[in-house]
Amino acid sequence: MANLTITLDDEILRRARLRALEQDTSVNTILRDYLVAFAAVGSIWDQATDEILRLSSQSRSGRGERRWTRDELHER
């Protein structure tokens, strides 16, 4: 496992430690969890896009035959 060194203002670190303590965790754990989620966003986005494309290419049966016009959809 790799180590990471960051530089930040002392007051920010103090407040972060207090908040972590309130949540019964550590700043290290919060940062690690954030970076795991941050790194996964791209792959999750790609998976969601693939799933949307797969679903949109499937048969559209069950959707019904009625097609709405633009005027009908925006009628007030």
Protein backbone atom coordinates (compact mmCIF):
# COMPACT_ATOMS: atom_id res chain seq x y z
CA MET A 1 0.00 0.00 0.00
CA ALA A 2 1.33 3.43 -0.94
CA ASN A 3 1.63 6.50 1.26
CA LEU A 4 0.48 9.96 0.19
CA THR A 5 1.69 13.26 1.60
CA ILE A 6 -0.43 16.38 1.20
CA THR A 7 0.09 19.95 2.29
CA LEU A 8 -2.74 21.96 3.77
CA ASP A 9 -3.44 24.74 6.19
CA ASP A 10 -3.15 23.81 9.88
CA GLU A 11 -6.63 25.13 10.63
CA ILE A 12 -8.18 22.98 7.90
CA LEU A 13 -6.48 19.88 9.30
CA ARG A 14 -7.62 20.76 12.82
CA ARG A 15 -11.25 21.11 11.71
CA ALA A 16 -11.03 17.94 9.65
CA ARG A 17 -9.71 16.01 12.66
CA LEU A 18 -12.56 17.33 14.83
CA ARG A 19 -15.17 16.33 12.26
CA ALA A 20 -13.58 12.91 11.85
CA LEU A 21 -13.60 12.45 15.61
CA GLU A 22 -17.31 13.35 15.69
CA GLN A 23 -17.88 10.61 13.09
CA ASP A 24 -15.76 8.11 15.03
CA THR A 25 -13.23 7.81 12.23
CA SER A 26 -9.94 9.34 11.10
CA VAL A 27 -8.93 11.89 8.49
CA ASN A 28 -6.88 9.14 6.85
CA THR A 29 -9.95 6.90 6.50
CA ILE A 30 -12.07 9.75 5.14
CA LEU A 31 -9.44 10.65 2.54
CA ARG A 32 -8.91 7.01 1.55
CA ASP A 33 -12.66 6.43 1.12
CA TYR A 34 -12.97 9.63 -0.89
CA LEU A 35 -10.09 8.69 -3.19
CA VAL A 36 -11.51 5.19 -3.73
CA ALA A 37 -14.85 6.70 -4.76
CA PHE A 38 -13.13 9.39 -6.84
CA ALA A 39 -11.07 6.81 -8.73
CA ALA A 40 -14.12 4.61 -9.37
CA VAL A 41 -16.29 7.35 -10.87
CA GLY A 42 -14.94 6.89 -14.39
CA SER A 43 -15.55 3.15 -14.48
CA ILE A 44 -18.98 3.49 -12.85
CA TRP A 45 -19.90 6.14 -15.42
CA ASP A 46 -18.72 3.86 -18.25
CA GLN A 47 -20.74 0.93 -16.85
CA ALA A 48 -23.86 3.08 -16.55
CA THR A 49 -23.44 4.40 -20.09
CA ASP A 50 -23.00 0.87 -21.45
CA GLU A 51 -26.14 -0.27 -19.61
CA ILE A 52 -28.17 2.67 -20.93
CA LEU A 53 -27.04 1.95 -24.48
CA ARG A 54 -27.82 -1.75 -24.06
CA LEU A 55 -31.30 -1.03 -22.75
CA SER A 56 -32.02 1.53 -25.45
CA SER A 57 -31.13 -0.95 -28.18
CA GLN A 58 -33.50 -3.63 -26.86
CA SER A 59 -36.94 -4.17 -28.29
CA ARG A 60 -39.30 -1.38 -27.42
CA SER A 61 -42.31 -3.65 -27.09
CA GLY A 62 -44.67 -2.75 -24.29
CA ARG A 63 -44.14 0.90 -24.98
CA GLY A 64 -47.47 1.23 -26.73
CA GLU A 65 -48.38 2.56 -30.11
CA ARG A 66 -49.45 6.05 -29.10
CA ARG A 67 -47.06 8.75 -30.24
CA TRP A 68 -47.44 12.24 -28.83
CA THR A 69 -46.96 15.36 -30.87
CA ARG A 70 -44.89 18.24 -29.58
CA ASP A 71 -48.03 20.38 -29.27
CA GLU A 72 -49.80 17.72 -27.22
CA LEU A 73 -46.87 17.39 -24.85
CA HIS A 74 -46.64 21.14 -24.31
CA GLU A 75 -50.38 21.84 -24.17
CA ARG A 76 -51.37 23.99 -21.21
